[in-house]
Amino acid sequence: MLKEGFDRLSAGNERELAPYEAFHLIIGMLSLLAEITGIKHVDIIIEAV
């Protein structure tokens, strides 16, 4: 889902992201950031959502 969202944004599609697509994109970016920085607490927030 994260890759699809980035592909849509980078393709410059005129259609805006639907709210659920934007939500999944944000959650995906948070997951990626947490993985890169080694933060463990973000997993709890993501699982709660």
Protein backbone atom coordinates (compact mmCIF):
# COMPACT_ATOMS: atom_id res chain seq x y z
CA MET A 1 0.00 0.00 0.00
CA LEU A 2 2.87 2.35 0.80
CA LYS A 3 4.51 1.82 -2.59
CA GLU A 4 1.19 2.32 -4.39
CA GLY A 5 0.61 5.59 -2.56
CA PHE A 6 4.07 6.87 -3.41
CA ASP A 7 3.63 5.79 -7.02
CA ARG A 8 0.39 7.77 -7.26
CA LEU A 9 1.96 10.84 -5.70
CA SER A 10 5.06 10.69 -7.89
CA ALA A 11 3.02 10.07 -11.06
CA GLY A 12 1.31 13.42 -10.58
CA ASN A 13 -2.18 12.03 -10.98
CA GLU A 14 -4.84 14.70 -10.93
CA ARG A 15 -7.05 12.56 -8.72
CA GLU A 16 -6.46 13.22 -5.05
CA LEU A 17 -5.89 10.37 -2.65
CA ALA A 18 -9.03 9.07 -1.01
CA PRO A 19 -9.05 9.50 2.79
CA TYR A 20 -8.39 5.80 3.41
CA GLU A 21 -5.49 5.85 0.93
CA ALA A 22 -3.96 8.87 2.64
CA PHE A 23 -4.44 7.18 6.03
CA HIS A 24 -2.67 4.01 4.87
CA LEU A 25 0.10 6.09 3.32
CA ILE A 26 0.66 7.97 6.60
CA ILE A 27 0.63 4.75 8.63
CA GLY A 28 3.07 3.21 6.16
CA MET A 29 5.42 6.19 6.44
CA LEU A 30 5.26 5.99 10.25
CA SER A 31 6.06 2.27 10.08
CA LEU A 32 8.99 2.92 7.76
CA LEU A 33 10.31 5.72 9.97
CA ALA A 34 9.99 3.52 13.04
CA GLU A 35 11.83 0.70 11.30
CA ILE A 36 14.66 2.98 10.21
CA THR A 37 15.09 4.64 13.61
CA GLY A 38 14.47 1.49 15.64
CA ILE A 39 11.51 2.92 17.58
CA LYS A 40 9.45 0.14 19.13
CA HIS A 41 6.54 2.14 20.59
CA VAL A 42 5.10 3.11 17.20
CA ASP A 43 4.11 -0.54 16.65
CA ILE A 44 1.68 -0.29 19.55
CA ILE A 45 0.05 2.81 18.07
CA ILE A 46 -0.23 1.24 14.60
CA GLU A 47 -1.71 -1.98 15.98
CA ALA A 48 -4.27 0.03 17.96
CA VAL A 49 -5.42 1.74 14.77
